[in-house]
Amino acid sequence: MTESGLMFPELRKKLQEARVMINTAESVGIAMGFLASKKVNGKGLYCAANSWWEVEDQLRLLEPQWLGQVNCEQFRKASSAHFFSSKSGL
């Protein structure tokens, strides 16, 4: 959850009572800037307690364990197929 003027006071109170960390807008902004870099563009981050972690690489490494080897191979084959051509060249 991110602190902002859009957060209802009741929600903020419940989060604080449950000891759920609330991210500052600044920490989320820094994470967004990190995601915009060429090195990690297109990847996902998990943000909590004003910290963040790139999660895509670890999910990919563990894919055979949670999806199964055969399903993982089929998923990766389908993911790498080019079904449509792009007029934009992307």
C-alpha atoms as a PDB file:
ATOM      1  CA  MET A   1       0.000   0.000   0.000  1.00  0.00           C
ATOM      2  CA  THR A   2       1.276   3.463  -0.820  1.00  0.00           C
ATOM      3  CA  GLU A   3       0.645   6.589   1.239  1.00  0.00           C
ATOM      4  CA  SER A   4      -1.221   9.195  -0.755  1.00  0.00           C
ATOM      5  CA  GLY A   5      -4.004  11.694  -0.466  1.00  0.00           C
ATOM      6  CA  LEU A   6      -6.285   9.067  -1.991  1.00  0.00           C
ATOM      7  CA  MET A   7      -5.955   6.698   0.986  1.00  0.00           C
ATOM      8  CA  PHE A   8      -9.049   6.802   3.159  1.00  0.00           C
ATOM      9  CA  PRO A   9      -8.342   7.530   6.840  1.00  0.00           C
ATOM     10  CA  GLU A  10     -10.225   4.358   7.812  1.00  0.00           C
ATOM     11  CA  LEU A  11      -7.980   2.244   5.591  1.00  0.00           C
ATOM     12  CA  ARG A  12      -4.824   3.910   6.919  1.00  0.00           C
ATOM     13  CA  LYS A  13      -5.969   3.199  10.488  1.00  0.00           C
ATOM     14  CA  LYS A  14      -6.694  -0.476   9.737  1.00  0.00           C
ATOM     15  CA  LEU A  15      -3.331  -0.917   8.017  1.00  0.00           C
ATOM     16  CA  GLN A  16      -1.529   0.667  10.950  1.00  0.00           C
ATOM     17  CA  GLU A  17      -3.432  -1.483  13.453  1.00  0.00           C
ATOM     18  CA  ALA A  18      -2.503  -4.591  11.456  1.00  0.00           C
ATOM     19  CA  ARG A  19       1.116  -3.366  11.320  1.00  0.00           C
ATOM     20  CA  VAL A  20       1.087  -3.416   7.513  1.00  0.00           C
ATOM     21  CA  MET A  21       3.931  -1.307   6.158  1.00  0.00           C
ATOM     22  CA  ILE A  22       2.847   1.636   4.050  1.00  0.00           C
ATOM     23  CA  ASN A  23       5.218   2.720   1.281  1.00  0.00           C
ATOM     24  CA  THR A  24       5.991   6.376   0.788  1.00  0.00           C
ATOM     25  CA  ALA A  25       5.253   7.873  -2.612  1.00  0.00           C
ATOM     26  CA  GLU A  26       8.956   8.726  -2.859  1.00  0.00           C
ATOM     27  CA  SER A  27      10.100   5.104  -2.462  1.00  0.00           C
ATOM     28  CA  VAL A  28       7.581   3.942  -5.072  1.00  0.00           C
ATOM     29  CA  GLY A  29       8.753   6.724  -7.415  1.00  0.00           C
ATOM     30  CA  ILE A  30      12.364   5.588  -7.057  1.00  0.00           C
ATOM     31  CA  ALA A  31      11.286   2.003  -7.810  1.00  0.00           C
ATOM     32  CA  MET A  32       9.465   3.208 -10.932  1.00  0.00           C
ATOM     33  CA  GLY A  33      12.611   5.003 -12.070  1.00  0.00           C
ATOM     34  CA  PHE A  34      14.562   1.794 -11.537  1.00  0.00           C
ATOM     35  CA  LEU A  35      12.048  -0.118 -13.663  1.00  0.00           C
ATOM     36  CA  ALA A  36      12.466   2.402 -16.465  1.00  0.00           C
ATOM     37  CA  SER A  37      16.179   1.637 -16.786  1.00  0.00           C
ATOM     38  CA  LYS A  38      17.245  -0.452 -19.771  1.00  0.00           C
ATOM     39  CA  LYS A  39      18.603  -3.208 -17.534  1.00  0.00           C
ATOM     40  CA  VAL A  40      15.256  -4.114 -15.964  1.00  0.00           C
ATOM     41  CA  ASN A  41      12.692  -2.600 -18.353  1.00  0.00           C
ATOM     42  CA  GLY A  42       9.619  -4.814 -18.467  1.00  0.00           C
ATOM     43  CA  LYS A  43      10.303  -6.693 -15.240  1.00  0.00           C
ATOM     44  CA  GLY A  44       8.224  -6.705 -12.083  1.00  0.00           C
ATOM     45  CA  LEU A  45       9.113  -5.485  -8.622  1.00  0.00           C
ATOM     46  CA  TYR A  46       7.684  -6.417  -5.255  1.00  0.00           C
ATOM     47  CA  CYS A  47       7.507  -3.282  -3.107  1.00  0.00           C
ATOM     48  CA  ALA A  48       7.084  -3.400   0.658  1.00  0.00           C
ATOM     49  CA  ALA A  49       8.277  -1.351   3.619  1.00  0.00           C
ATOM     50  CA  ASN A  50       9.920   1.216   1.296  1.00  0.00           C
ATOM     51  CA  SER A  51      12.106  -1.486  -0.233  1.00  0.00           C
ATOM     52  CA  TRP A  52      11.765  -3.397  -3.477  1.00  0.00           C
ATOM     53  CA  TRP A  53      12.972  -6.594  -5.075  1.00  0.00           C
ATOM     54  CA  GLU A  54      13.042  -7.700  -8.707  1.00  0.00           C
ATOM     55  CA  VAL A  55      11.017 -10.925  -8.829  1.00  0.00           C
ATOM     56  CA  GLU A  56      10.832 -11.936 -12.493  1.00  0.00           C
ATOM     57  CA  ASP A  57      14.236 -13.637 -12.663  1.00  0.00           C
ATOM     58  CA  GLN A  58      13.568 -15.831  -9.624  1.00  0.00           C
ATOM     59  CA  LEU A  59      10.079 -16.731 -10.856  1.00  0.00           C
ATOM     60  CA  ARG A  60      11.595 -17.848 -14.151  1.00  0.00           C
ATOM     61  CA  LEU A  61      14.232 -19.963 -12.380  1.00  0.00           C
ATOM     62  CA  LEU A  62      11.601 -21.661 -10.213  1.00  0.00           C
ATOM     63  CA  GLU A  63       9.070 -22.108 -13.029  1.00  0.00           C
ATOM     64  CA  PRO A  64       9.813 -25.834 -13.548  1.00  0.00           C
ATOM     65  CA  GLN A  65       9.199 -26.481  -9.842  1.00  0.00           C
ATOM     66  CA  TRP A  66       5.807 -24.813  -9.562  1.00  0.00           C
ATOM     67  CA  LEU A  67       4.571 -25.448 -13.103  1.00  0.00           C
ATOM     68  CA  GLY A  68       6.159 -28.854 -13.718  1.00  0.00           C
ATOM     69  CA  GLN A  69       8.910 -29.551 -16.256  1.00  0.00           C
ATOM     70  CA  VAL A  70       6.655 -30.527 -19.184  1.00  0.00           C
ATOM     71  CA  ASN A  71       4.256 -27.632 -18.647  1.00  0.00           C
ATOM     72  CA  CYS A  72       7.182 -25.265 -18.218  1.00  0.00           C
ATOM     73  CA  GLU A  73       8.671 -26.337 -21.554  1.00  0.00           C
ATOM     74  CA  GLN A  74       5.309 -25.929 -23.308  1.00  0.00           C
ATOM     75  CA  PHE A  75       4.717 -22.545 -21.663  1.00  0.00           C
ATOM     76  CA  ARG A  76       8.138 -21.272 -22.743  1.00  0.00           C
ATOM     77  CA  LYS A  77       7.652 -22.582 -26.281  1.00  0.00           C
ATOM     78  CA  ALA A  78       4.296 -20.799 -26.556  1.00  0.00           C
ATOM     79  CA  SER A  79       5.714 -17.639 -24.979  1.00  0.00           C
ATOM     80  CA  SER A  80       8.525 -17.407 -27.510  1.00  0.00           C
ATOM     81  CA  ALA A  81       6.316 -17.973 -30.575  1.00  0.00           C
ATOM     82  CA  HIS A  82       5.523 -14.991 -32.777  1.00  0.00           C
ATOM     83  CA  PHE A  83       1.845 -15.261 -33.649  1.00  0.00           C
ATOM     84  CA  PHE A  84       1.382 -11.807 -35.117  1.00  0.00           C
ATOM     85  CA  SER A  85       3.637  -9.421 -36.961  1.00  0.00           C
ATOM     86  CA  SER A  86       4.041  -5.906 -35.591  1.00  0.00           C
ATOM     87  CA  LYS A  87       3.686  -2.933 -37.908  1.00  0.00           C
ATOM     88  CA  SER A  88       5.654  -0.853 -35.444  1.00  0.00           C
ATOM     89  CA  GLY A  89       8.633  -3.210 -35.558  1.00  0.00           C
ATOM     90  CA  LEU A  90       8.452  -3.960 -31.816  1.00  0.00           C
END
